[in-house]
Amino acid sequence: MPVGEKEYNFRIEIEDSIVVIICGEIETETLKKCLKTVEETKGTKKISESEEKE
């Protein structure tokens, strides 16, 4: 391991969430399109869940 770098051992639990990891450069418009798709998908999921409860 290079000098000055540390290694950590941990775990993050994520429930019912979207995680975006960006490595390197990405165009803003591409990111907007991806997030819009996520928003639409999540909206569809909420509608489906409410229909199941009825």
Protein backbone atom coordinates (compact mmCIF):
# COMPACT_ATOMS: atom_id res chain seq x y z
CA MET A 1 0.00 0.00 0.00
CA PRO A 2 1.42 3.42 -0.92
CA VAL A 3 2.71 5.65 1.85
CA GLY A 4 0.01 7.85 3.38
CA GLU A 5 -2.91 5.65 2.29
CA LYS A 6 -5.03 3.84 4.84
CA GLU A 7 -7.30 0.87 4.42
CA TYR A 8 -10.62 0.85 6.24
CA ASN A 9 -12.88 -2.10 6.90
CA PHE A 10 -16.50 -0.98 7.15
CA ARG A 11 -19.94 -1.73 5.77
CA ILE A 12 -22.73 0.61 4.74
CA GLU A 13 -26.28 -0.68 4.63
CA ILE A 14 -28.50 1.03 2.08
CA GLU A 15 -32.18 0.23 1.96
CA ASP A 16 -34.58 1.40 -0.73
CA SER A 17 -32.15 3.97 -2.08
CA ILE A 18 -30.17 4.73 -5.17
CA VAL A 19 -26.39 5.01 -4.90
CA VAL A 20 -24.42 6.77 -7.61
CA ILE A 21 -20.67 6.36 -7.79
CA ILE A 22 -18.93 8.51 -10.36
CA CYS A 23 -15.37 7.66 -11.30
CA GLY A 24 -13.73 10.07 -13.65
CA GLU A 25 -15.43 12.66 -15.78
CA ILE A 26 -19.07 12.52 -16.83
CA GLU A 27 -21.09 14.94 -18.90
CA THR A 28 -23.76 16.80 -16.94
CA GLU A 29 -26.48 15.96 -19.47
CA THR A 30 -25.69 12.25 -19.23
CA LEU A 31 -25.97 12.39 -15.44
CA LYS A 32 -29.27 14.31 -15.68
CA LYS A 33 -30.72 11.66 -18.01
CA CYS A 34 -29.66 8.87 -15.65
CA LEU A 35 -31.18 10.58 -12.62
CA LYS A 36 -34.40 11.30 -14.55
CA THR A 37 -34.67 7.58 -15.37
CA VAL A 38 -34.17 6.72 -11.71
CA GLU A 39 -36.86 9.21 -10.70
CA GLU A 40 -39.32 7.76 -13.22
CA THR A 41 -38.55 4.19 -12.12
CA LYS A 42 -38.95 5.04 -8.46
CA GLY A 43 -42.29 6.76 -9.19
CA THR A 44 -43.49 3.62 -10.98
CA LYS A 45 -42.44 1.50 -8.00
CA LYS A 46 -44.44 3.70 -5.59
CA ILE A 47 -47.53 3.38 -7.80
CA SER A 48 -47.12 -0.43 -7.93
CA GLU A 49 -46.73 -0.66 -4.15
CA SER A 50 -49.88 1.39 -3.53
CA GLU A 51 -51.85 -0.81 -5.96
CA GLU A 52 -50.68 -3.94 -4.10
CA LYS A 53 -52.03 -2.57 -0.80
CA GLU A 54 -55.53 -2.10 -2.25
